[in-house]
Amino acid sequence: MFTAGREVTFVGRVQSTTESVRIGEYDYRLPLLAADVVYLWPVITEVRVVADPWGPWGPWGYPYGPWGRWGYWGW
């Protein structure tokens, strides 16, 4: 169930004690978590990317609309 590459979220309380683990050539002290919720996310098989044809300013243009920075009245 918990395989490499899967995304998981833990929700809980961090304990005051730590555990020493070795990762590669280094030793780490990691806090222990008393997990209340463990959520294993579903495997994503397809990602759709949709481009916005208007860009970050919407259909009004840069900056803030077709009449320029201060709007139609020019203030």
Foldseek 3Di string as FASTA:
>chain_A
DDDPPWDKDFDFDWDPAWDWDDDDPDIDTHTDGPTPDMDTDDDDDDDDDDDDPCPPPRVQDPPPHPCDDPPDVND
